[in-house]
Amino acid sequence: MPTFFSHDFPQFIISLDLMQAVAQPGIVLAGATLGELLQELETTRNIRVVAQPDSPKYFRYHNPASDPQFYPVDVHILREGMTICPRQDLSFALLPGDKVEAGVLAC
């Protein structure tokens, strides 16, 4: 099953003891498509990630799901050394080893 990462569930943290990045497990979620994975995220973790209406690429990240405040995020799929930007294609097919990353926009 694919693994989900975000600012709430980072892929890496900096260990001050080790002075290096340490990989984190993320959240393993069921979903054959990006849309199914995001629905599973809302159902199991009460986090809603929905398409941002005024952009063909970005999403709104609501935590908790009912919170009107959101973070704009860009979703990427990390697959076998490649980074794929599915934009807002919720039918994008996911593979079991995929890492789905919802990164907060820097600007």
Protein backbone atom coordinates (compact mmCIF):
# COMPACT_ATOMS: atom_id res chain seq x y z
CA MET A 1 0.00 0.00 0.00
CA PRO A 2 1.21 3.56 -0.65
CA THR A 3 2.70 5.67 2.13
CA PHE A 4 1.58 9.26 2.81
CA PHE A 5 3.82 12.09 4.03
CA SER A 6 3.09 15.73 4.87
CA HIS A 7 4.18 18.42 7.32
CA ASP A 8 2.22 16.48 9.96
CA PHE A 9 3.95 13.22 8.95
CA PRO A 10 7.37 14.23 7.55
CA GLN A 11 9.47 11.85 5.51
CA PHE A 12 12.60 12.88 7.44
CA ILE A 13 13.40 14.60 10.72
CA ILE A 14 16.74 16.01 11.85
CA SER A 15 18.19 14.12 14.78
CA LEU A 16 20.18 16.52 16.94
CA ASP A 17 21.85 13.56 18.67
CA LEU A 18 23.00 12.03 15.38
CA MET A 19 23.28 15.33 13.47
CA GLN A 20 21.67 13.77 10.41
CA ALA A 21 18.32 13.22 8.72
CA VAL A 22 16.39 10.20 9.99
CA ALA A 23 13.73 8.55 7.81
CA GLN A 24 10.22 8.40 9.25
CA PRO A 25 7.54 5.76 8.53
CA GLY A 26 4.73 8.02 7.27
CA ILE A 27 1.18 6.68 7.13
CA VAL A 28 0.42 3.55 5.12
CA LEU A 29 -2.97 4.01 3.46
CA ALA A 30 -5.13 1.92 1.16
CA GLY A 31 -5.86 3.39 -2.24
CA ALA A 32 -5.47 2.27 -5.83
CA THR A 33 -5.77 5.90 -6.96
CA LEU A 34 -4.80 9.28 -5.55
CA GLY A 35 -8.47 10.04 -4.88
CA GLU A 36 -8.98 6.80 -2.96
CA LEU A 37 -5.85 7.44 -0.87
CA LEU A 38 -7.00 10.97 0.01
CA GLN A 39 -10.44 9.63 0.97
CA GLU A 40 -8.77 7.03 3.20
CA LEU A 41 -6.69 9.81 4.80
CA GLU A 42 -9.87 11.70 5.68
CA THR A 43 -11.65 8.58 6.95
CA THR A 44 -8.79 7.26 9.10
CA ARG A 45 -6.98 10.46 10.18
CA ASN A 46 -9.60 13.22 9.89
CA ILE A 47 -7.38 15.14 7.46
CA ARG A 48 -9.01 16.44 4.29
CA VAL A 49 -6.93 17.16 1.17
CA VAL A 50 -9.04 18.60 -1.66
CA ALA A 51 -8.34 20.31 -4.96
CA GLN A 52 -7.82 24.06 -4.71
CA PRO A 53 -10.54 25.54 -6.95
CA ASP A 54 -8.49 28.44 -8.32
CA SER A 55 -5.50 26.29 -9.34
CA PRO A 56 -5.15 23.30 -11.68
CA LYS A 57 -2.25 21.92 -9.61
CA TYR A 58 -2.53 22.58 -5.88
CA PHE A 59 -4.61 21.22 -3.01
CA ARG A 60 -5.99 22.46 0.31
CA TYR A 61 -4.86 20.55 3.41
CA HIS A 62 -7.35 20.77 6.29
CA ASN A 63 -6.41 19.32 9.69
CA PRO A 64 -8.83 18.58 11.18
CA ALA A 65 -11.04 17.95 8.16
CA SER A 66 -13.74 20.33 9.42
CA ASP A 67 -11.32 23.25 9.94
CA PRO A 68 -12.03 26.09 7.46
CA GLN A 69 -8.34 27.08 7.67
CA PHE A 70 -6.00 25.17 5.34
CA TYR A 71 -2.45 24.93 4.07
CA PRO A 72 -1.93 25.05 0.32
CA VAL A 73 0.03 21.94 -0.69
CA ASP A 74 1.52 20.42 -3.82
CA VAL A 75 1.14 16.64 -4.10
CA HIS A 76 3.91 14.54 -5.63
CA ILE A 77 4.33 10.80 -6.05
CA LEU A 78 7.79 9.37 -5.36
CA ARG A 79 8.15 6.16 -7.40
CA GLU A 80 11.34 4.19 -8.06
CA GLY A 81 13.60 7.25 -7.93
CA MET A 82 11.23 9.45 -9.96
CA THR A 83 9.10 12.36 -8.78
CA ILE A 84 5.71 12.51 -10.51
CA CYS A 85 3.37 15.51 -10.31
CA PRO A 86 -0.18 14.21 -10.91
CA ARG A 87 -1.61 17.71 -10.53
CA GLN A 88 -5.27 17.33 -9.44
CA ASP A 89 -5.79 14.02 -11.23
CA LEU A 90 -7.58 12.03 -8.54
CA SER A 91 -7.75 9.01 -10.89
CA PHE A 92 -3.93 8.80 -10.98
CA ALA A 93 -3.07 5.12 -10.37
CA LEU A 94 -0.90 4.37 -7.35
CA LEU A 95 1.45 1.42 -6.87
CA PRO A 96 1.99 -0.30 -3.51
CA GLY A 97 5.52 1.12 -3.08
CA ASP A 98 4.60 4.72 -3.92
CA LYS A 99 5.26 7.56 -1.50
CA VAL A 100 2.64 10.31 -1.72
CA GLU A 101 3.96 13.60 -0.42
CA ALA A 102 1.78 16.67 0.27
CA GLY A 103 4.32 19.46 0.60
CA VAL A 104 3.39 22.86 1.97
CA LEU A 105 4.05 25.63 -0.56
CA ALA A 106 7.05 27.76 0.32
CA CYS A 107 5.69 30.97 -1.17
